[in-house]
Amino acid sequence: MIKTSISSLGIAVCMAMGVMASAQAAVDVEAAKALAKANDCLKCHAADKDKKGPSMKKIAAKYKGKPDGQEKAIKNMTEGQMVKLSDGTEEKHKIIDTKDPKELKNMADWYLSH
């Protein structure tokens, strides 16, 4: 009985890891990078260091574990909200030049994967 429970647990853990890996694999990094470059996102954001705006790592940490993280990231990219810059000033966030929900989700997931 204990042997069965342990192997069932092992299978469950492997399945959970597989689901997590496939969720991460769903991000098309090259497409997200291309969209970020085309929209000058990388002038203000870097993977692991602050520039004019917060790093992708900080953005990911801010939304980690929040079910609406992707939605909020997309909102920041599409609505031109006022944002506070690293020097303390504020300006409107640039609106990304795409309306394609798939591209927006991919870009948000890429940022949040850091």
PDB file of N, CA and C in Angstrom:
ATOM      1  N   MET A   1       0.825  -1.190   0.000  1.00  0.00           N
ATOM      2  CA  MET A   1       0.000   0.000   0.000  1.00  0.00           C
ATOM      3  C   MET A   1       0.870   1.255   0.000  1.00  0.00           C
ATOM      4  N   ILE A   2       1.900   1.284   0.835  1.00  0.00           N
ATOM      5  CA  ILE A   2       2.787   2.439   0.873  1.00  0.00           C
ATOM      6  C   ILE A   2       3.514   2.573  -0.458  1.00  0.00           C
ATOM      7  N   LYS A   3       3.923   1.448  -1.038  1.00  0.00           N
ATOM      8  CA  LYS A   3       4.606   1.477  -2.324  1.00  0.00           C
ATOM      9  C   LYS A   3       3.703   2.091  -3.402  1.00  0.00           C
ATOM     10  N   THR A   4       2.435   1.736  -3.395  1.00  0.00           N
ATOM     11  CA  THR A   4       1.478   2.269  -4.352  1.00  0.00           C
ATOM     12  C   THR A   4       1.309   3.766  -4.157  1.00  0.00           C
ATOM     13  N   SER A   5       1.212   4.216  -2.910  1.00  0.00           N
ATOM     14  CA  SER A   5       1.051   5.643  -2.627  1.00  0.00           C
ATOM     15  C   SER A   5       2.265   6.431  -3.070  1.00  0.00           C
ATOM     16  N   ILE A   6       3.456   5.889  -2.835  1.00  0.00           N
ATOM     17  CA  ILE A   6       4.676   6.582  -3.225  1.00  0.00           C
ATOM     18  C   ILE A   6       4.771   6.683  -4.739  1.00  0.00           C
ATOM     19  N   SER A   7       4.457   5.608  -5.456  1.00  0.00           N
ATOM     20  CA  SER A   7       4.539   5.680  -6.917  1.00  0.00           C
ATOM     21  C   SER A   7       3.441   6.579  -7.471  1.00  0.00           C
ATOM     22  N   SER A   8       2.283   6.619  -6.853  1.00  0.00           N
ATOM     23  CA  SER A   8       1.230   7.539  -7.279  1.00  0.00           C
ATOM     24  C   SER A   8       1.667   8.980  -7.075  1.00  0.00           C
ATOM     25  N   LEU A   9       2.318   9.240  -5.957  1.00  0.00           N
ATOM     26  CA  LEU A   9       2.827  10.574  -5.678  1.00  0.00           C
ATOM     27  C   LEU A   9       3.891  10.958  -6.708  1.00  0.00           C
ATOM     28  N   GLY A  10       4.769  10.022  -7.021  1.00  0.00           N
ATOM     29  CA  GLY A  10       5.811  10.271  -8.018  1.00  0.00           C
ATOM     30  C   GLY A  10       5.223  10.609  -9.372  1.00  0.00           C
ATOM     31  N   ILE A  11       4.206   9.891  -9.761  1.00  0.00           N
ATOM     32  CA  ILE A  11       3.536  10.146 -11.038  1.00  0.00           C
ATOM     33  C   ILE A  11       2.882  11.523 -11.023  1.00  0.00           C
ATOM     34  N   ALA A  12       2.233  11.861  -9.929  1.00  0.00           N
ATOM     35  CA  ALA A  12       1.575  13.165  -9.812  1.00  0.00           C
ATOM     36  C   ALA A  12       2.590  14.303  -9.902  1.00  0.00           C
ATOM     37  N   VAL A  13       3.730  14.138  -9.242  1.00  0.00           N
ATOM     38  CA  VAL A  13       4.775  15.167  -9.284  1.00  0.00           C
ATOM     39  C   VAL A  13       5.303  15.322 -10.705  1.00  0.00           C
ATOM     40  N   CYS A  14       5.568  14.214 -11.367  1.00  0.00           N
ATOM     41  CA  CYS A  14       6.061  14.264 -12.756  1.00  0.00           C
ATOM     42  C   CYS A  14       5.053  14.940 -13.674  1.00  0.00           C
ATOM     43  N   MET A  15       3.780  14.651 -13.499  1.00  0.00           N
ATOM     44  CA  MET A  15       2.741  15.267 -14.329  1.00  0.00           C
ATOM     45  C   MET A  15       2.683  16.767 -14.080  1.00  0.00           C
ATOM     46  N   ALA A  16       2.760  17.158 -12.819  1.00  0.00           N
ATOM     47  CA  ALA A  16       2.725  18.586 -12.487  1.00  0.00           C
ATOM     48  C   ALA A  16       3.914  19.309 -13.098  1.00  0.00           C
ATOM     49  N   MET A  17       5.080  18.698 -13.057  1.00  0.00           N
ATOM     50  CA  MET A  17       6.269  19.305 -13.645  1.00  0.00           C
ATOM     51  C   MET A  17       6.129  19.405 -15.163  1.00  0.00           C
ATOM     52  N   GLY A  18       5.516  18.418 -15.757  1.00  0.00           N
ATOM     53  CA  GLY A  18       5.290  18.441 -17.197  1.00  0.00           C
ATOM     54  C   GLY A  18       4.355  19.571 -17.599  1.00  0.00           C
ATOM     55  N   VAL A  19       3.321  19.795 -16.824  1.00  0.00           N
ATOM     56  CA  VAL A  19       2.383  20.886 -17.095  1.00  0.00           C
ATOM     57  C   VAL A  19       3.105  22.221 -16.967  1.00  0.00           C
ATOM     58  N   MET A  20       3.917  22.372 -15.932  1.00  0.00           N
ATOM     59  CA  MET A  20       4.656  23.620 -15.743  1.00  0.00           C
ATOM     60  C   MET A  20       5.630  23.844 -16.890  1.00  0.00           C
ATOM     61  N   ALA A  21       6.308  22.824 -17.314  1.00  0.00           N
ATOM     62  CA  ALA A  21       7.269  22.947 -18.413  1.00  0.00           C
ATOM     63  C   ALA A  21       6.571  23.322 -19.710  1.00  0.00           C
ATOM     64  N   SER A  22       5.406  22.725 -19.968  1.00  0.00           N
ATOM     65  CA  SER A  22       4.698  23.048 -21.202  1.00  0.00           C
ATOM     66  C   SER A  22       4.145  24.462 -21.165  1.00  0.00           C
ATOM     67  N   ALA A  23       3.782  24.970 -19.978  1.00  0.00           N
ATOM     68  CA  ALA A  23       3.312  26.350 -19.867  1.00  0.00           C
ATOM     69  C   ALA A  23       4.457  27.302 -20.179  1.00  0.00           C
ATOM     70  N   GLN A  24       5.660  26.990 -19.693  1.00  0.00           N
ATOM     71  CA  GLN A  24       6.809  27.827 -19.980  1.00  0.00           C
ATOM     72  C   GLN A  24       7.196  27.701 -21.444  1.00  0.00           C
ATOM     73  N   ALA A  25       7.096  26.526 -22.005  1.00  0.00           N
ATOM     74  CA  ALA A  25       7.452  26.309 -23.400  1.00  0.00           C
ATOM     75  C   ALA A  25       6.483  27.031 -24.331  1.00  0.00           C
ATOM     76  N   ALA A  26       5.318  27.388 -23.840  1.00  0.00           N
ATOM     77  CA  ALA A  26       4.316  28.050 -24.660  1.00  0.00           C
ATOM     78  C   ALA A  26       4.743  29.465 -25.049  1.00  0.00           C
ATOM     79  N   VAL A  27       5.708  30.064 -24.343  1.00  0.00           N
ATOM     80  CA  VAL A  27       6.177  31.405 -24.676  1.00  0.00           C
ATOM     81  C   VAL A  27       7.090  31.321 -25.901  1.00  0.00           C
ATOM     82  N   ASP A  28       6.754  32.080 -26.916  1.00  0.00           N
ATOM     83  CA  ASP A  28       7.605  32.187 -28.101  1.00  0.00           C
ATOM     84  C   ASP A  28       8.557  33.349 -27.846  1.00  0.00           C
ATOM     85  N   VAL A  29       9.707  33.035 -27.271  1.00  0.00           N
ATOM     86  CA  VAL A  29      10.673  34.050 -26.838  1.00  0.00           C
ATOM     87  C   VAL A  29      11.130  34.915 -28.001  1.00  0.00           C
ATOM     88  N   GLU A  30      11.425  34.302 -29.136  1.00  0.00           N
ATOM     89  CA  GLU A  30      11.919  35.070 -30.287  1.00  0.00           C
ATOM     90  C   GLU A  30      10.867  36.066 -30.783  1.00  0.00           C
ATOM     91  N   ALA A  31       9.610  35.645 -30.820  1.00  0.00           N
ATOM     92  CA  ALA A  31       8.541  36.556 -31.245  1.00  0.00           C
ATOM     93  C   ALA A  31       8.365  37.694 -30.241  1.00  0.00           C
ATOM     94  N   ALA A  32       8.458  37.367 -28.951  1.00  0.00           N
ATOM     95  CA  ALA A  32       8.324  38.396 -27.913  1.00  0.00           C
ATOM     96  C   ALA A  32       9.474  39.394 -27.994  1.00  0.00           C
ATOM     97  N   LYS A  33      10.694  38.903 -28.174  1.00  0.00           N
ATOM     98  CA  LYS A  33      11.855  39.789 -28.304  1.00  0.00           C
ATOM     99  C   LYS A  33      11.720  40.693 -29.524  1.00  0.00           C
ATOM    100  N   ALA A  34      11.269  40.125 -30.639  1.00  0.00           N
ATOM    101  CA  ALA A  34      11.103  40.913 -31.864  1.00  0.00           C
ATOM    102  C   ALA A  34      10.065  42.019 -31.662  1.00  0.00           C
ATOM    103  N   LEU A  35       8.966  41.694 -31.008  1.00  0.00           N
ATOM    104  CA  LEU A  35       7.924  42.685 -30.742  1.00  0.00           C
ATOM    105  C   LEU A  35       8.440  43.746 -29.771  1.00  0.00           C
ATOM    106  N   ALA A  36       9.196  43.326 -28.773  1.00  0.00           N
ATOM    107  CA  ALA A  36       9.766  44.268 -27.805  1.00  0.00           C
ATOM    108  C   ALA A  36      10.743  45.219 -28.494  1.00  0.00           C
ATOM    109  N   LYS A  37      11.584  44.683 -29.367  1.00  0.00           N
ATOM    110  CA  LYS A  37      12.539  45.528 -30.095  1.00  0.00           C
ATOM    111  C   LYS A  37      11.819  46.498 -31.020  1.00  0.00           C
ATOM    112  N   ALA A  38      10.815  46.007 -31.727  1.00  0.00           N
ATOM    113  CA  ALA A  38      10.070  46.849 -32.666  1.00  0.00           C
ATOM    114  C   ALA A  38       9.343  47.991 -31.957  1.00  0.00           C
ATOM    115  N   ASN A  39       9.012  47.803 -30.697  1.00  0.00           N
ATOM    116  CA  ASN A  39       8.272  48.818 -29.939  1.00  0.00           C
ATOM    117  C   ASN A  39       9.157  49.577 -28.945  1.00  0.00           C
ATOM    118  N   ASP A  40      10.464  49.402 -29.044  1.00  0.00           N
ATOM    119  CA  ASP A  40      11.430  50.086 -28.170  1.00  0.00           C
ATOM    120  C   ASP A  40      11.260  49.773 -26.691  1.00  0.00           C
ATOM    121  N   CYS A  41      10.662  48.626 -26.366  1.00  0.00           N
ATOM    122  CA  CYS A  41      10.472  48.237 -24.961  1.00  0.00           C
ATOM    123  C   CYS A  41      11.817  48.045 -24.255  1.00  0.00           C
ATOM    124  N   LEU A  42      12.809  47.576 -25.008  1.00  0.00           N
ATOM    125  CA  LEU A  42      14.096  47.249 -24.409  1.00  0.00           C
ATOM    126  C   LEU A  42      14.942  48.490 -24.125  1.00  0.00           C
ATOM    127  N   LYS A  43      14.475  49.649 -24.544  1.00  0.00           N
ATOM    128  CA  LYS A  43      15.144  50.890 -24.163  1.00  0.00           C
ATOM    129  C   LYS A  43      14.901  51.188 -22.681  1.00  0.00           C
ATOM    130  N   CYS A  44      13.760  50.768 -22.176  1.00  0.00           N
ATOM    131  CA  CYS A  44      13.393  51.040 -20.780  1.00  0.00           C
ATOM    132  C   CYS A  44      13.459  49.811 -19.881  1.00  0.00           C
ATOM    133  N   HIS A  45      13.376  48.618 -20.454  1.00  0.00           N
ATOM    134  CA  HIS A  45      13.339  47.384 -19.668  1.00  0.00           C
ATOM    135  C   HIS A  45      14.435  46.420 -20.124  1.00  0.00           C
ATOM    136  N   ALA A  46      15.134  45.841 -19.164  1.00  0.00           N
ATOM    137  CA  ALA A  46      16.112  44.782 -19.432  1.00  0.00           C
ATOM    138  C   ALA A  46      15.694  43.565 -18.614  1.00  0.00           C
ATOM    139  N   ALA A  47      16.281  42.441 -18.913  1.00  0.00           N
ATOM    140  CA  ALA A  47      15.903  41.209 -18.212  1.00  0.00           C
ATOM    141  C   ALA A  47      16.144  41.293 -16.712  1.00  0.00           C
ATOM    142  N   ASP A  48      17.351  41.708 -16.315  1.00  0.00           N
ATOM    143  CA  ASP A  48      17.659  41.642 -14.886  1.00  0.00           C
ATOM    144  C   ASP A  48      18.246  42.912 -14.286  1.00  0.00           C
ATOM    145  N   LYS A  49      18.163  44.026 -15.012  1.00  0.00           N
ATOM    146  CA  LYS A  49      18.611  45.290 -14.419  1.00  0.00           C
ATOM    147  C   LYS A  49      17.630  46.398 -14.772  1.00  0.00           C
ATOM    148  N   ASP A  50      17.494  47.339 -13.855  1.00  0.00           N
ATOM    149  CA  ASP A  50      16.625  48.478 -14.096  1.00  0.00           C
ATOM    150  C   ASP A  50      17.284  49.417 -15.101  1.00  0.00           C
ATOM    151  N   LYS A  51      16.468  49.964 -15.941  1.00  0.00           N
ATOM    152  CA  LYS A  51      16.906  51.016 -16.855  1.00  0.00           C
ATOM    153  C   LYS A  51      16.022  52.214 -16.511  1.00  0.00           C
ATOM    154  N   LYS A  52      15.397  52.777 -17.500  1.00  0.00           N
ATOM    155  CA  LYS A  52      14.439  53.857 -17.264  1.00  0.00           C
ATOM    156  C   LYS A  52      13.225  53.303 -16.514  1.00  0.00           C
ATOM    157  N   GLY A  53      12.896  52.054 -16.805  1.00  0.00           N
ATOM    158  CA  GLY A  53      11.807  51.353 -16.138  1.00  0.00           C
ATOM    159  C   GLY A  53      12.347  50.144 -15.395  1.00  0.00           C
ATOM    160  N   PRO A  54      11.483  49.432 -14.681  1.00  0.00           N
ATOM    161  CA  PRO A  54      11.934  48.267 -13.909  1.00  0.00           C
ATOM    162  C   PRO A  54      12.355  47.103 -14.804  1.00  0.00           C
ATOM    163  N   SER A  55      13.213  46.257 -14.264  1.00  0.00           N
ATOM    164  CA  SER A  55      13.639  45.065 -14.994  1.00  0.00           C
ATOM    165  C   SER A  55      12.459  44.112 -15.154  1.00  0.00           C
ATOM    166  N   MET A  56      12.579  43.220 -16.119  1.00  0.00           N
ATOM    167  CA  MET A  56      11.551  42.202 -16.314  1.00  0.00           C
ATOM    168  C   MET A  56      11.470  41.313 -15.067  1.00  0.00           C
ATOM    169  N   LYS A  57      12.609  41.098 -14.427  1.00  0.00           N
ATOM    170  CA  LYS A  57      12.659  40.299 -13.206  1.00  0.00           C
ATOM    171  C   LYS A  57      11.813  40.947 -12.108  1.00  0.00           C
ATOM    172  N   LYS A  58      11.900  42.276 -11.969  1.00  0.00           N
ATOM    173  CA  LYS A  58      11.086  42.984 -10.972  1.00  0.00           C
ATOM    174  C   LYS A  58       9.607  42.945 -11.332  1.00  0.00           C
ATOM    175  N   ILE A  59       9.322  43.082 -12.623  1.00  0.00           N
ATOM    176  CA  ILE A  59       7.925  43.025 -13.077  1.00  0.00           C
ATOM    177  C   ILE A  59       7.347  41.640 -12.774  1.00  0.00           C
ATOM    178  N   ALA A  60       8.122  40.605 -13.075  1.00  0.00           N
ATOM    179  CA  ALA A  60       7.674  39.231 -12.812  1.00  0.00           C
ATOM    180  C   ALA A  60       7.437  39.017 -11.322  1.00  0.00           C
ATOM    181  N   ALA A  61       8.328  39.533 -10.485  1.00  0.00           N
ATOM    182  CA  ALA A  61       8.183  39.382  -9.031  1.00  0.00           C
ATOM    183  C   ALA A  61       6.934  40.104  -8.531  1.00  0.00           C
ATOM    184  N   LYS A  62       6.642  41.255  -9.121  1.00  0.00           N
ATOM    185  CA  LYS A  62       5.470  42.041  -8.716  1.00  0.00           C
ATOM    186  C   LYS A  62       4.165  41.267  -8.947  1.00  0.00           C
ATOM    187  N   TYR A  63       4.118  40.531 -10.041  1.00  0.00           N
ATOM    188  CA  TYR A  63       2.882  39.827 -10.400  1.00  0.00           C
ATOM    189  C   TYR A  63       2.894  38.337 -10.070  1.00  0.00           C
ATOM    190  N   LYS A  64       4.000  37.842  -9.513  1.00  0.00           N
ATOM    191  CA  LYS A  64       4.113  36.415  -9.209  1.00  0.00           C
ATOM    192  C   LYS A  64       2.973  35.956  -8.293  1.00  0.00           C
ATOM    193  N   GLY A  65       2.327  34.869  -8.695  1.00  0.00           N
ATOM    194  CA  GLY A  65       1.255  34.287  -7.887  1.00  0.00           C
ATOM    195  C   GLY A  65      -0.075  35.017  -7.987  1.00  0.00           C
ATOM    196  N   LYS A  66      -0.135  36.074  -8.760  1.00  0.00           N
ATOM    197  CA  LYS A  66      -1.391  36.824  -8.908  1.00  0.00           C
ATOM    198  C   LYS A  66      -2.087  36.350 -10.179  1.00  0.00           C
ATOM    199  N   PRO A  67      -3.324  35.901 -10.055  1.00  0.00           N
ATOM    200  CA  PRO A  67      -4.025  35.360 -11.218  1.00  0.00           C
ATOM    201  C   PRO A  67      -4.258  36.395 -12.322  1.00  0.00           C
ATOM    202  N   ASP A  68      -4.236  37.674 -11.976  1.00  0.00           N
ATOM    203  CA  ASP A  68      -4.460  38.708 -12.983  1.00  0.00           C
ATOM    204  C   ASP A  68      -3.160  39.365 -13.451  1.00  0.00           C
ATOM    205  N   GLY A  69      -2.027  38.736 -13.176  1.00  0.00           N
ATOM    206  CA  GLY A  69      -0.731  39.295 -13.549  1.00  0.00           C
ATOM    207  C   GLY A  69      -0.599  39.535 -15.041  1.00  0.00           C
ATOM    208  N   GLN A  70      -0.964  38.544 -15.836  1.00  0.00           N
ATOM    209  CA  GLN A  70      -0.878  38.682 -17.292  1.00  0.00           C
ATOM    210  C   GLN A  70      -1.765  39.833 -17.764  1.00  0.00           C
ATOM    211  N   GLU A  71      -2.979  39.868 -17.227  1.00  0.00           N
ATOM    212  CA  GLU A  71      -3.939  40.910 -17.603  1.00  0.00           C
ATOM    213  C   GLU A  71      -3.392  42.307 -17.270  1.00  0.00           C
ATOM    214  N   LYS A  72      -2.798  42.451 -16.085  1.00  0.00           N
ATOM    215  CA  LYS A  72      -2.244  43.747 -15.685  1.00  0.00           C
ATOM    216  C   LYS A  72      -1.042  44.130 -16.538  1.00  0.00           C
ATOM    217  N   ALA A  73      -0.204  43.164 -16.878  1.00  0.00           N
ATOM    218  CA  ALA A  73       0.940  43.445 -17.742  1.00  0.00           C
ATOM    219  C   ALA A  73       0.464  43.920 -19.111  1.00  0.00           C
ATOM    220  N   ILE A  74      -0.549  43.276 -19.655  1.00  0.00           N
ATOM    221  CA  ILE A  74      -1.102  43.677 -20.949  1.00  0.00           C
ATOM    222  C   ILE A  74      -1.713  45.074 -20.858  1.00  0.00           C
ATOM    223  N   LYS A  75      -2.394  45.346 -19.764  1.00  0.00           N
ATOM    224  CA  LYS A  75      -2.994  46.667 -19.562  1.00  0.00           C
ATOM    225  C   LYS A  75      -1.915  47.747 -19.584  1.00  0.00           C
ATOM    226  N   ASN A  76      -0.778  47.477 -18.927  1.00  0.00           N
ATOM    227  CA  ASN A  76       0.323  48.455 -18.935  1.00  0.00           C
ATOM    228  C   ASN A  76       0.860  48.682 -20.337  1.00  0.00           C
ATOM    229  N   MET A  77       0.850  47.652 -21.177  1.00  0.00           N
ATOM    230  CA  MET A  77       1.384  47.764 -22.534  1.00  0.00           C
ATOM    231  C   MET A  77       0.415  48.424 -23.510  1.00  0.00           C
ATOM    232  N   THR A  78      -0.879  48.415 -23.188  1.00  0.00           N
ATOM    233  CA  THR A  78      -1.877  48.828 -24.177  1.00  0.00           C
ATOM    234  C   THR A  78      -2.674  50.081 -23.840  1.00  0.00           C
ATOM    235  N   GLU A  79      -2.580  50.571 -22.614  1.00  0.00           N
ATOM    236  CA  GLU A  79      -3.457  51.680 -22.233  1.00  0.00           C
ATOM    237  C   GLU A  79      -2.756  53.016 -22.017  1.00  0.00           C
ATOM    238  N   GLY A  80      -1.445  53.060 -22.103  1.00  0.00           N
ATOM    239  CA  GLY A  80      -0.737  54.328 -21.948  1.00  0.00           C
ATOM    240  C   GLY A  80      -0.900  54.967 -20.579  1.00  0.00           C
ATOM    241  N   GLN A  81      -0.933  54.149 -19.547  1.00  0.00           N
ATOM    242  CA  GLN A  81      -1.090  54.653 -18.178  1.00  0.00           C
ATOM    243  C   GLN A  81       0.156  55.415 -17.737  1.00  0.00           C
ATOM    244  N   MET A  82       0.006  56.269 -16.757  1.00  0.00           N
ATOM    245  CA  MET A  82       1.142  56.964 -16.162  1.00  0.00           C
ATOM    246  C   MET A  82       1.948  55.944 -15.355  1.00  0.00           C
ATOM    247  N   VAL A  83       3.262  55.982 -15.531  1.00  0.00           N
ATOM    248  CA  VAL A  83       4.152  55.078 -14.809  1.00  0.00           C
ATOM    249  C   VAL A  83       5.262  55.894 -14.161  1.00  0.00           C
ATOM    250  N   LYS A  84       5.727  55.406 -13.014  1.00  0.00           N
ATOM    251  CA  LYS A  84       6.828  56.061 -12.326  1.00  0.00           C
ATOM    252  C   LYS A  84       8.140  55.471 -12.839  1.00  0.00           C
ATOM    253  N   LEU A  85       9.062  56.334 -13.235  1.00  0.00           N
ATOM    254  CA  LEU A  85      10.348  55.909 -13.763  1.00  0.00           C
ATOM    255  C   LEU A  85      11.360  55.769 -12.632  1.00  0.00           C
ATOM    256  N   SER A  86      12.478  55.151 -12.939  1.00  0.00           N
ATOM    257  CA  SER A  86      13.487  54.889 -11.914  1.00  0.00           C
ATOM    258  C   SER A  86      14.062  56.177 -11.310  1.00  0.00           C
ATOM    259  N   ASP A  87      13.983  57.287 -12.047  1.00  0.00           N
ATOM    260  CA  ASP A  87      14.484  58.552 -11.500  1.00  0.00           C
ATOM    261  C   ASP A  87      13.426  59.313 -10.710  1.00  0.00           C
ATOM    262  N   GLY A  88      12.249  58.707 -10.545  1.00  0.00           N
ATOM    263  CA  GLY A  88      11.173  59.315  -9.757  1.00  0.00           C
ATOM    264  C   GLY A  88      10.183  60.130 -10.571  1.00  0.00           C
ATOM    265  N   THR A  89      10.496  60.432 -11.815  1.00  0.00           N
ATOM    266  CA  THR A  89       9.557  61.183 -12.650  1.00  0.00           C
ATOM    267  C   THR A  89       8.467  60.243 -13.155  1.00  0.00           C
ATOM    268  N   GLU A  90       7.429  60.820 -13.729  1.00  0.00           N
ATOM    269  CA  GLU A  90       6.337  60.030 -14.291  1.00  0.00           C
ATOM    270  C   GLU A  90       6.127  60.409 -15.745  1.00  0.00           C
ATOM    271  N   GLU A  91       5.697  59.434 -16.513  1.00  0.00           N
ATOM    272  CA  GLU A  91       5.317  59.674 -17.906  1.00  0.00           C
ATOM    273  C   GLU A  91       4.336  58.597 -18.332  1.00  0.00           C
ATOM    274  N   LYS A  92       3.676  58.844 -19.465  1.00  0.00           N
ATOM    275  CA  LYS A  92       2.759  57.839 -20.002  1.00  0.00           C
ATOM    276  C   LYS A  92       3.571  56.696 -20.581  1.00  0.00           C
ATOM    277  N   HIS A  93       3.158  55.474 -20.255  1.00  0.00           N
ATOM    278  CA  HIS A  93       3.805  54.291 -20.812  1.00  0.00           C
ATOM    279  C   HIS A  93       3.473  54.213 -22.295  1.00  0.00           C
ATOM    280  N   LYS A  94       4.453  53.908 -23.097  1.00  0.00           N
ATOM    281  CA  LYS A  94       4.239  53.776 -24.537  1.00  0.00           C
ATOM    282  C   LYS A  94       3.244  52.643 -24.805  1.00  0.00           C
ATOM    283  N   ILE A  95       2.361  52.877 -25.761  1.00  0.00           N
ATOM    284  CA  ILE A  95       1.380  51.860 -26.149  1.00  0.00           C
ATOM    285  C   ILE A  95       1.998  50.978 -27.221  1.00  0.00           C
ATOM    286  N   ILE A  96       1.972  49.679 -26.978  1.00  0.00           N
ATOM    287  CA  ILE A  96       2.559  48.715 -27.902  1.00  0.00           C
ATOM    288  C   ILE A  96       1.754  48.693 -29.200  1.00  0.00           C
ATOM    289  N   ASP A  97       2.465  48.545 -30.296  1.00  0.00           N
ATOM    290  CA  ASP A  97       1.860  48.616 -31.620  1.00  0.00           C
ATOM    291  C   ASP A  97       1.379  47.247 -32.100  1.00  0.00           C
ATOM    292  N   THR A  98       0.417  46.688 -31.383  1.00  0.00           N
ATOM    293  CA  THR A  98      -0.270  45.471 -31.817  1.00  0.00           C
ATOM    294  C   THR A  98      -1.585  45.382 -31.058  1.00  0.00           C
ATOM    295  N   LYS A  99      -2.568  44.853 -31.712  1.00  0.00           N
ATOM    296  CA  LYS A  99      -3.864  44.597 -31.074  1.00  0.00           C
ATOM    297  C   LYS A  99      -4.114  43.093 -30.985  1.00  0.00           C
ATOM    298  N   ASP A 100      -3.186  42.307 -31.509  1.00  0.00           N
ATOM    299  CA  ASP A 100      -3.324  40.858 -31.555  1.00  0.00           C
ATOM    300  C   ASP A 100      -3.231  40.282 -30.140  1.00  0.00           C
ATOM    301  N   PRO A 101      -4.330  39.719 -29.619  1.00  0.00           N
ATOM    302  CA  PRO A 101      -4.326  39.181 -28.251  1.00  0.00           C
ATOM    303  C   PRO A 101      -3.260  38.105 -28.036  1.00  0.00           C
ATOM    304  N   LYS A 102      -3.002  37.302 -29.050  1.00  0.00           N
ATOM    305  CA  LYS A 102      -1.991  36.246 -28.933  1.00  0.00           C
ATOM    306  C   LYS A 102      -0.601  36.858 -28.748  1.00  0.00           C
ATOM    307  N   GLU A 103      -0.287  37.891 -29.513  1.00  0.00           N
ATOM    308  CA  GLU A 103       1.011  38.569 -29.383  1.00  0.00           C
ATOM    309  C   GLU A 103       1.136  39.253 -28.015  1.00  0.00           C
ATOM    310  N   LEU A 104       0.059  39.889 -27.571  1.00  0.00           N
ATOM    311  CA  LEU A 104       0.076  40.568 -26.272  1.00  0.00           C
ATOM    312  C   LEU A 104       0.274  39.580 -25.125  1.00  0.00           C
ATOM    313  N   LYS A 105      -0.430  38.455 -25.181  1.00  0.00           N
ATOM    314  CA  LYS A 105      -0.282  37.429 -24.146  1.00  0.00           C
ATOM    315  C   LYS A 105       1.117  36.846 -24.147  1.00  0.00           C
ATOM    316  N   ASN A 106       1.656  36.611 -25.334  1.00  0.00           N
ATOM    317  CA  ASN A 106       3.006  36.061 -25.442  1.00  0.00           C
ATOM    318  C   ASN A 106       4.026  37.025 -24.845  1.00  0.00           C
ATOM    319  N   MET A 107       3.887  38.319 -25.171  1.00  0.00           N
ATOM    320  CA  MET A 107       4.804  39.326 -24.645  1.00  0.00           C
ATOM    321  C   MET A 107       4.690  39.410 -23.123  1.00  0.00           C
ATOM    322  N   ALA A 108       3.469  39.430 -22.601  1.00  0.00           N
ATOM    323  CA  ALA A 108       3.269  39.489 -21.147  1.00  0.00           C
ATOM    324  C   ALA A 108       3.860  38.247 -20.488  1.00  0.00           C
ATOM    325  N   ASP A 109       3.620  37.087 -21.059  1.00  0.00           N
ATOM    326  CA  ASP A 109       4.151  35.845 -20.483  1.00  0.00           C
ATOM    327  C   ASP A 109       5.681  35.825 -20.511  1.00  0.00           C
ATOM    328  N   TRP A 110       6.267  36.403 -21.553  1.00  0.00           N
ATOM    329  CA  TRP A 110       7.723  36.481 -21.638  1.00  0.00           C
ATOM    330  C   TRP A 110       8.267  37.354 -20.506  1.00  0.00           C
ATOM    331  N   TYR A 111       7.672  38.525 -20.330  1.00  0.00           N
ATOM    332  CA  TYR A 111       8.101  39.407 -19.223  1.00  0.00           C
ATOM    333  C   TYR A 111       7.940  38.693 -17.894  1.00  0.00           C
ATOM    334  N   LEU A 112       6.804  38.046 -17.701  1.00  0.00           N
ATOM    335  CA  LEU A 112       6.504  37.412 -16.402  1.00  0.00           C
ATOM    336  C   LEU A 112       7.292  36.128 -16.169  1.00  0.00           C
ATOM    337  N   SER A 113       7.967  35.626 -17.195  1.00  0.00           N
ATOM    338  CA  SER A 113       8.750  34.393 -17.041  1.00  0.00           C
ATOM    339  C   SER A 113      10.132  34.656 -16.440  1.00  0.00           C
ATOM    340  N   HIS A 114      10.478  35.889 -16.261  1.00  0.00           N
ATOM    341  CA  HIS A 114      11.826  36.229 -15.748  1.00  0.00           C
ATOM    342  C   HIS A 114      11.932  36.078 -14.244  1.00  0.00           C
TER     343      HIS A 114
END
